[in-house]
Amino acid sequence: MTVASDIARDHYLTLALFSRRIIEALRDFSKSGKRTRLRAALPAAIESLQATTNASHPTGYGIRVRRRYDQVRTITDLFPNSARVQMIRKLRALESGGDSETQREAANKAAQFFYAIENRALRNYRHPSPRATTGK
């Protein structure tokens, strides 16, 4: 393995761990209605997804995930821009509050979205492509 390959693998693992943090916060809300973890996790989730949909500059929450080519590519390969924009809307709705069944359903769908990202990131961690290690 090369240094570039090790760095790319680290980026994939970071993305998987980031996704897991979001999933756990969403599940906690979905099961118990508690928003403590959700409030802490949503700003970073929203900003990271925004970074994959446009050229916005990070304010700090999503900076760890959004700047790495291999992380952004993992997300954009999985979901078209429209799906990412729709997920941002769902996350913002969750951020706004409420304890309705609709919010819990949105949390479950968001967890599935981030689960797909986590799985792909872990797969890429185990088997990074040559393209990911060069950043091209």
N, C-alpha and C. Protein backbone atom coordinates (compact mmCIF):
# COMPACT_ATOMS: atom_id res chain seq x y z
N MET A 1 0.83 -1.18 0.00
CA MET A 1 0.00 0.00 0.00
C MET A 1 0.87 1.24 0.00
N THR A 2 0.38 2.27 -0.65
CA THR A 2 1.11 3.52 -0.71
C THR A 2 0.57 4.49 0.32
N VAL A 3 1.28 5.57 0.53
CA VAL A 3 0.82 6.60 1.45
C VAL A 3 -0.50 7.19 0.96
N ALA A 4 -0.60 7.43 -0.34
CA ALA A 4 -1.84 7.97 -0.90
C ALA A 4 -3.01 7.03 -0.66
N SER A 5 -2.76 5.73 -0.79
CA SER A 5 -3.80 4.74 -0.55
C SER A 5 -4.23 4.74 0.91
N ASP A 6 -3.26 4.84 1.81
CA ASP A 6 -3.58 4.90 3.24
C ASP A 6 -4.40 6.14 3.57
N ILE A 7 -4.06 7.26 2.97
CA ILE A 7 -4.80 8.50 3.21
C ILE A 7 -6.23 8.37 2.70
N ALA A 8 -6.39 7.82 1.51
CA ALA A 8 -7.74 7.63 0.95
C ALA A 8 -8.55 6.70 1.86
N ARG A 9 -7.92 5.65 2.35
CA ARG A 9 -8.62 4.73 3.25
C ARG A 9 -9.05 5.46 4.52
N ASP A 10 -8.20 6.32 5.04
CA ASP A 10 -8.56 7.12 6.23
C ASP A 10 -9.78 8.00 5.95
N HIS A 11 -9.83 8.57 4.76
CA HIS A 11 -10.97 9.43 4.40
C HIS A 11 -12.26 8.62 4.35
N TYR A 12 -12.19 7.42 3.80
CA TYR A 12 -13.38 6.57 3.76
C TYR A 12 -13.83 6.18 5.16
N LEU A 13 -12.88 5.85 6.00
CA LEU A 13 -13.23 5.48 7.37
C LEU A 13 -13.83 6.68 8.12
N THR A 14 -13.28 7.86 7.90
CA THR A 14 -13.84 9.07 8.50
C THR A 14 -15.28 9.28 8.06
N LEU A 15 -15.55 9.08 6.78
CA LEU A 15 -16.91 9.23 6.27
C LEU A 15 -17.85 8.19 6.88
N ALA A 16 -17.39 6.97 7.01
CA ALA A 16 -18.21 5.92 7.62
C ALA A 16 -18.53 6.25 9.07
N LEU A 17 -17.55 6.70 9.82
CA LEU A 17 -17.77 7.06 11.22
C LEU A 17 -18.68 8.28 11.35
N PHE A 18 -18.50 9.24 10.48
CA PHE A 18 -19.36 10.42 10.45
C PHE A 18 -20.81 9.99 10.19
N SER A 19 -21.01 9.11 9.21
CA SER A 19 -22.35 8.62 8.89
C SER A 19 -22.95 7.86 10.07
N ARG A 20 -22.14 7.06 10.74
CA ARG A 20 -22.62 6.29 11.89
C ARG A 20 -23.10 7.23 12.99
N ARG A 21 -22.40 8.31 13.22
CA ARG A 21 -22.81 9.30 14.23
C ARG A 21 -24.18 9.87 13.89
N ILE A 22 -24.40 10.17 12.63
CA ILE A 22 -25.69 10.71 12.19
C ILE A 22 -26.77 9.65 12.36
N ILE A 23 -26.49 8.43 11.96
CA ILE A 23 -27.46 7.33 12.07
C ILE A 23 -27.88 7.12 13.51
N GLU A 24 -26.93 7.09 14.41
CA GLU A 24 -27.25 6.88 15.82
C GLU A 24 -28.11 8.01 16.38
N ALA A 25 -27.84 9.23 15.99
CA ALA A 25 -28.66 10.36 16.44
C ALA A 25 -30.08 10.26 15.88
N LEU A 26 -30.20 9.87 14.62
CA LEU A 26 -31.52 9.71 14.00
C LEU A 26 -32.30 8.58 14.64
N ARG A 27 -31.64 7.48 14.91
CA ARG A 27 -32.31 6.33 15.56
C ARG A 27 -32.76 6.68 16.97
N ASP A 28 -31.91 7.40 17.68
CA ASP A 28 -32.25 7.82 19.04
C ASP A 28 -33.53 8.66 19.03
N PHE A 29 -33.60 9.59 18.09
CA PHE A 29 -34.81 10.41 17.98
C PHE A 29 -36.01 9.55 17.57
N SER A 30 -35.82 8.68 16.60
CA SER A 30 -36.91 7.86 16.09
C SER A 30 -37.49 6.95 17.17
N LYS A 31 -36.63 6.40 18.01
CA LYS A 31 -37.10 5.48 19.05
C LYS A 31 -37.64 6.18 20.29
N SER A 32 -36.95 7.25 20.71
CA SER A 32 -37.31 7.85 21.99
C SER A 32 -37.89 9.25 21.89
N GLY A 33 -37.74 9.88 20.74
CA GLY A 33 -38.20 11.26 20.60
C GLY A 33 -37.22 12.28 21.16
N LYS A 34 -36.09 11.81 21.67
CA LYS A 34 -35.09 12.72 22.24
C LYS A 34 -34.30 13.38 21.12
N ARG A 35 -34.07 14.67 21.25
CA ARG A 35 -33.39 15.42 20.21
C ARG A 35 -31.98 15.86 20.57
N THR A 36 -31.47 15.48 21.71
CA THR A 36 -30.16 15.96 22.14
C THR A 36 -29.08 15.60 21.14
N ARG A 37 -28.96 14.34 20.80
CA ARG A 37 -27.94 13.91 19.83
C ARG A 37 -28.24 14.43 18.43
N LEU A 38 -29.52 14.51 18.12
CA LEU A 38 -29.93 14.99 16.80
C LEU A 38 -29.50 16.44 16.59
N ARG A 39 -29.73 17.28 17.59
CA ARG A 39 -29.33 18.69 17.49
C ARG A 39 -27.83 18.84 17.28
N ALA A 40 -27.07 17.97 17.89
CA ALA A 40 -25.61 18.04 17.74
C ALA A 40 -25.15 17.53 16.38
N ALA A 41 -25.86 16.58 15.81
CA ALA A 41 -25.42 15.93 14.57
C ALA A 41 -25.93 16.60 13.29
N LEU A 42 -27.11 17.17 13.34
CA LEU A 42 -27.73 17.67 12.10
C LEU A 42 -26.96 18.79 11.40
N PRO A 43 -26.42 19.77 12.08
CA PRO A 43 -25.71 20.83 11.34
C PRO A 43 -24.58 20.30 10.46
N ALA A 44 -23.81 19.37 10.97
CA ALA A 44 -22.71 18.79 10.18
C ALA A 44 -23.25 17.97 9.02
N ALA A 45 -24.32 17.23 9.25
CA ALA A 45 -24.92 16.43 8.18
C ALA A 45 -25.43 17.32 7.06
N ILE A 46 -26.12 18.37 7.43
CA ILE A 46 -26.67 19.30 6.43
C ILE A 46 -25.55 19.97 5.66
N GLU A 47 -24.57 20.48 6.35
CA GLU A 47 -23.48 21.18 5.67
C GLU A 47 -22.68 20.25 4.76
N SER A 48 -22.44 19.04 5.20
CA SER A 48 -21.70 18.10 4.36
C SER A 48 -22.46 17.76 3.09
N LEU A 49 -23.77 17.58 3.20
CA LEU A 49 -24.56 17.31 2.00
C LEU A 49 -24.64 18.54 1.10
N GLN A 50 -24.75 19.72 1.69
CA GLN A 50 -24.76 20.94 0.89
C GLN A 50 -23.47 21.06 0.09
N ALA A 51 -22.38 20.66 0.67
CA ALA A 51 -21.09 20.75 -0.01
C ALA A 51 -21.04 19.85 -1.24
N THR A 52 -21.84 18.81 -1.26
CA THR A 52 -21.86 17.93 -2.43
C THR A 52 -22.84 18.40 -3.49
N THR A 53 -23.64 19.42 -3.18
CA THR A 53 -24.64 19.90 -4.13
C THR A 53 -24.29 21.24 -4.75
N ASN A 54 -23.38 21.98 -4.12
CA ASN A 54 -22.98 23.27 -4.67
C ASN A 54 -21.59 23.65 -4.18
N ALA A 55 -21.16 24.82 -4.54
CA ALA A 55 -19.81 25.26 -4.19
C ALA A 55 -19.79 26.13 -2.94
N SER A 56 -20.67 25.86 -2.00
CA SER A 56 -20.70 26.67 -0.78
C SER A 56 -19.43 26.46 0.02
N HIS A 57 -19.10 27.44 0.81
CA HIS A 57 -17.92 27.35 1.67
C HIS A 57 -18.35 26.87 3.04
N PRO A 58 -17.65 25.93 3.61
CA PRO A 58 -18.07 25.39 4.90
C PRO A 58 -17.89 26.40 6.02
N THR A 59 -18.78 26.31 6.99
CA THR A 59 -18.68 27.18 8.16
C THR A 59 -17.97 26.49 9.29
N GLY A 60 -17.70 25.23 9.16
CA GLY A 60 -16.98 24.51 10.20
C GLY A 60 -17.57 23.15 10.51
N TYR A 61 -18.91 23.02 10.47
CA TYR A 61 -19.53 21.76 10.83
C TYR A 61 -19.15 20.64 9.87
N GLY A 62 -19.24 20.89 8.59
CA GLY A 62 -19.02 19.83 7.60
C GLY A 62 -17.64 19.80 7.00
N ILE A 63 -16.77 20.64 7.49
CA ILE A 63 -15.46 20.78 6.86
C ILE A 63 -14.66 19.49 6.87
N ARG A 64 -14.82 18.66 7.87
CA ARG A 64 -14.03 17.43 7.95
C ARG A 64 -14.36 16.47 6.83
N VAL A 65 -15.61 16.42 6.42
CA VAL A 65 -16.02 15.44 5.42
C VAL A 65 -16.03 16.04 4.03
N ARG A 66 -16.39 17.24 3.89
CA ARG A 66 -16.69 17.81 2.59
C ARG A 66 -15.51 18.13 1.70
N ARG A 67 -14.34 18.27 2.23
CA ARG A 67 -13.22 18.72 1.42
C ARG A 67 -12.45 17.59 0.74
N ARG A 68 -12.76 16.40 1.02
CA ARG A 68 -12.00 15.29 0.47
C ARG A 68 -12.70 14.72 -0.76
N TYR A 69 -11.94 14.65 -1.84
CA TYR A 69 -12.47 14.18 -3.11
C TYR A 69 -13.14 12.82 -2.96
N ASP A 70 -12.47 11.88 -2.30
CA ASP A 70 -12.99 10.53 -2.20
C ASP A 70 -14.26 10.47 -1.38
N GLN A 71 -14.40 11.32 -0.39
CA GLN A 71 -15.62 11.35 0.42
C GLN A 71 -16.79 11.93 -0.38
N VAL A 72 -16.53 13.04 -1.05
CA VAL A 72 -17.57 13.67 -1.86
C VAL A 72 -17.98 12.73 -2.99
N ARG A 73 -17.01 12.11 -3.63
CA ARG A 73 -17.32 11.18 -4.72
C ARG A 73 -18.16 10.00 -4.24
N THR A 74 -17.89 9.51 -3.06
CA THR A 74 -18.67 8.40 -2.51
C THR A 74 -20.14 8.80 -2.42
N ILE A 75 -20.42 9.98 -1.93
CA ILE A 75 -21.80 10.45 -1.78
C ILE A 75 -22.43 10.73 -3.14
N THR A 76 -21.70 11.40 -4.03
CA THR A 76 -22.28 11.74 -5.33
C THR A 76 -22.48 10.51 -6.21
N ASP A 77 -21.66 9.48 -6.02
CA ASP A 77 -21.87 8.23 -6.77
C ASP A 77 -23.14 7.51 -6.32
N LEU A 78 -23.47 7.64 -5.05
CA LEU A 78 -24.64 6.95 -4.51
C LEU A 78 -25.96 7.65 -4.83
N PHE A 79 -25.95 8.97 -4.73
CA PHE A 79 -27.20 9.72 -4.82
C PHE A 79 -27.08 10.87 -5.81
N PRO A 80 -28.08 10.99 -6.70
CA PRO A 80 -28.07 12.14 -7.61
C PRO A 80 -28.29 13.44 -6.82
N ASN A 81 -27.97 14.53 -7.44
CA ASN A 81 -28.10 15.83 -6.79
C ASN A 81 -29.50 16.04 -6.22
N SER A 82 -30.52 15.66 -6.95
CA SER A 82 -31.90 15.87 -6.49
C SER A 82 -32.18 15.12 -5.19
N ALA A 83 -31.64 13.92 -5.05
CA ALA A 83 -31.83 13.15 -3.81
C ALA A 83 -31.09 13.79 -2.65
N ARG A 84 -29.92 14.34 -2.91
CA ARG A 84 -29.17 15.02 -1.85
C ARG A 84 -29.89 16.29 -1.40
N VAL A 85 -30.43 17.03 -2.36
CA VAL A 85 -31.19 18.25 -2.03
C VAL A 85 -32.43 17.88 -1.22
N GLN A 86 -33.13 16.84 -1.62
CA GLN A 86 -34.31 16.39 -0.90
C GLN A 86 -33.95 15.97 0.53
N MET A 87 -32.82 15.30 0.70
CA MET A 87 -32.40 14.88 2.05
C MET A 87 -32.05 16.10 2.90
N ILE A 88 -31.44 17.10 2.31
CA ILE A 88 -31.15 18.33 3.06
C ILE A 88 -32.45 18.93 3.58
N ARG A 89 -33.48 18.94 2.76
CA ARG A 89 -34.79 19.47 3.19
C ARG A 89 -35.35 18.66 4.37
N LYS A 90 -35.22 17.34 4.28
CA LYS A 90 -35.71 16.49 5.37
C LYS A 90 -34.94 16.75 6.67
N LEU A 91 -33.65 16.89 6.55
CA LEU A 91 -32.84 17.15 7.73
C LEU A 91 -33.16 18.51 8.34
N ARG A 92 -33.40 19.49 7.50
CA ARG A 92 -33.79 20.81 8.01
C ARG A 92 -35.15 20.75 8.70
N ALA A 93 -36.06 19.96 8.15
CA ALA A 93 -37.37 19.80 8.79
C ALA A 93 -37.21 19.13 10.16
N LEU A 94 -36.32 18.17 10.24
CA LEU A 94 -36.05 17.51 11.53
C LEU A 94 -35.42 18.50 12.51
N GLU A 95 -34.61 19.38 11.99
CA GLU A 95 -33.93 20.37 12.82
C GLU A 95 -34.93 21.38 13.40
N SER A 96 -36.02 21.60 12.67
CA SER A 96 -36.99 22.62 13.09
C SER A 96 -37.85 22.20 14.27
N GLY A 97 -37.88 20.93 14.57
CA GLY A 97 -38.60 20.47 15.75
C GLY A 97 -39.90 19.75 15.42
N GLY A 98 -40.65 19.48 16.47
CA GLY A 98 -41.89 18.72 16.32
C GLY A 98 -41.65 17.28 16.73
N ASP A 99 -42.71 16.61 17.10
CA ASP A 99 -42.58 15.23 17.57
C ASP A 99 -43.58 14.33 16.86
N SER A 100 -43.94 14.71 15.67
CA SER A 100 -44.97 13.97 14.96
C SER A 100 -44.43 12.68 14.36
N GLU A 101 -45.34 11.85 13.96
CA GLU A 101 -45.00 10.59 13.29
C GLU A 101 -44.28 10.88 11.97
N THR A 102 -44.64 11.98 11.32
CA THR A 102 -43.99 12.36 10.07
C THR A 102 -42.51 12.62 10.30
N GLN A 103 -42.18 13.26 11.41
CA GLN A 103 -40.78 13.52 11.74
C GLN A 103 -40.03 12.22 12.00
N ARG A 104 -40.67 11.29 12.65
CA ARG A 104 -40.01 10.00 12.91
C ARG A 104 -39.80 9.22 11.62
N GLU A 105 -40.75 9.30 10.71
CA GLU A 105 -40.58 8.65 9.41
C GLU A 105 -39.44 9.30 8.63
N ALA A 106 -39.36 10.62 8.70
CA ALA A 106 -38.26 11.33 8.03
C ALA A 106 -36.92 10.92 8.63
N ALA A 107 -36.88 10.76 9.93
CA ALA A 107 -35.65 10.32 10.60
C ALA A 107 -35.25 8.92 10.13
N ASN A 108 -36.22 8.03 9.98
CA ASN A 108 -35.93 6.67 9.50
C ASN A 108 -35.40 6.69 8.07
N LYS A 109 -35.99 7.52 7.21
CA LYS A 109 -35.51 7.63 5.82
C LYS A 109 -34.11 8.22 5.78
N ALA A 110 -33.87 9.21 6.62
CA ALA A 110 -32.54 9.81 6.68
C ALA A 110 -31.51 8.79 7.17
N ALA A 111 -31.90 7.97 8.14
CA ALA A 111 -30.99 6.93 8.63
C ALA A 111 -30.64 5.96 7.51
N GLN A 112 -31.61 5.60 6.68
CA GLN A 112 -31.35 4.70 5.55
C GLN A 112 -30.38 5.35 4.55
N PHE A 113 -30.56 6.64 4.32
CA PHE A 113 -29.70 7.41 3.42
C PHE A 113 -28.25 7.36 3.92
N PHE A 114 -28.06 7.66 5.20
CA PHE A 114 -26.71 7.68 5.75
C PHE A 114 -26.15 6.26 5.93
N TYR A 115 -27.02 5.28 6.08
CA TYR A 115 -26.58 3.89 6.14
C TYR A 115 -25.97 3.49 4.80
N ALA A 116 -26.59 3.93 3.71
CA ALA A 116 -26.04 3.64 2.38
C ALA A 116 -24.66 4.28 2.22
N ILE A 117 -24.51 5.50 2.71
CA ILE A 117 -23.21 6.18 2.65
C ILE A 117 -22.18 5.42 3.49
N GLU A 118 -22.58 5.04 4.70
CA GLU A 118 -21.68 4.31 5.58
C GLU A 118 -21.22 3.00 4.92
N ASN A 119 -22.15 2.25 4.36
CA ASN A 119 -21.80 0.98 3.73
C ASN A 119 -20.84 1.16 2.56
N ARG A 120 -21.12 2.16 1.71
CA ARG A 120 -20.24 2.40 0.57
C ARG A 120 -18.86 2.86 1.04
N ALA A 121 -18.83 3.71 2.06
CA ALA A 121 -17.54 4.18 2.57
C ALA A 121 -16.73 3.01 3.14
N LEU A 122 -17.39 2.11 3.85
CA LEU A 122 -16.68 0.95 4.40
C LEU A 122 -16.21 0.01 3.29
N ARG A 123 -17.01 -0.15 2.27
CA ARG A 123 -16.59 -0.97 1.13
C ARG A 123 -15.37 -0.34 0.45
N ASN A 124 -15.42 0.98 0.26
CA ASN A 124 -14.29 1.67 -0.36
C ASN A 124 -13.06 1.65 0.55
N TYR A 125 -13.28 1.65 1.85
CA TYR A 125 -12.17 1.55 2.80
C TYR A 125 -11.44 0.21 2.62
N ARG A 126 -12.23 -0.84 2.47
CA ARG A 126 -11.64 -2.17 2.30
C ARG A 126 -10.99 -2.34 0.92
N HIS A 127 -11.58 -1.68 -0.10
CA HIS A 127 -11.11 -1.85 -1.48
C HIS A 127 -11.08 -0.50 -2.18
N PRO A 128 -10.17 0.40 -1.82
CA PRO A 128 -10.14 1.71 -2.48
C PRO A 128 -9.76 1.57 -3.96
N SER A 129 -10.40 2.36 -4.78
CA SER A 129 -10.09 2.31 -6.21
C SER A 129 -8.81 3.09 -6.48
N PRO A 130 -8.11 2.75 -7.55
CA PRO A 130 -6.90 3.51 -7.89
C PRO A 130 -7.21 4.99 -8.12
N ARG A 131 -8.39 5.27 -8.66
CA ARG A 131 -8.80 6.65 -8.91
C ARG A 131 -8.88 7.44 -7.60
N ALA A 132 -9.35 6.82 -6.54
CA ALA A 132 -9.50 7.50 -5.27
C ALA A 132 -8.14 7.85 -4.68
N THR A 133 -7.15 7.04 -4.90
CA THR A 133 -5.85 7.30 -4.30
C THR A 133 -5.07 8.40 -5.03
N THR A 134 -5.47 8.69 -6.27
CA THR A 134 -4.78 9.74 -7.00
C THR A 134 -5.53 11.06 -6.93
N GLY A 135 -6.83 11.02 -6.57
CA GLY A 135 -7.62 12.25 -6.50
C GLY A 135 -8.04 12.77 -7.84
N LYS A 136 -8.01 11.93 -8.89
CA LYS A 136 -8.39 12.37 -10.23
C LYS A 136 -9.74 11.84 -10.60
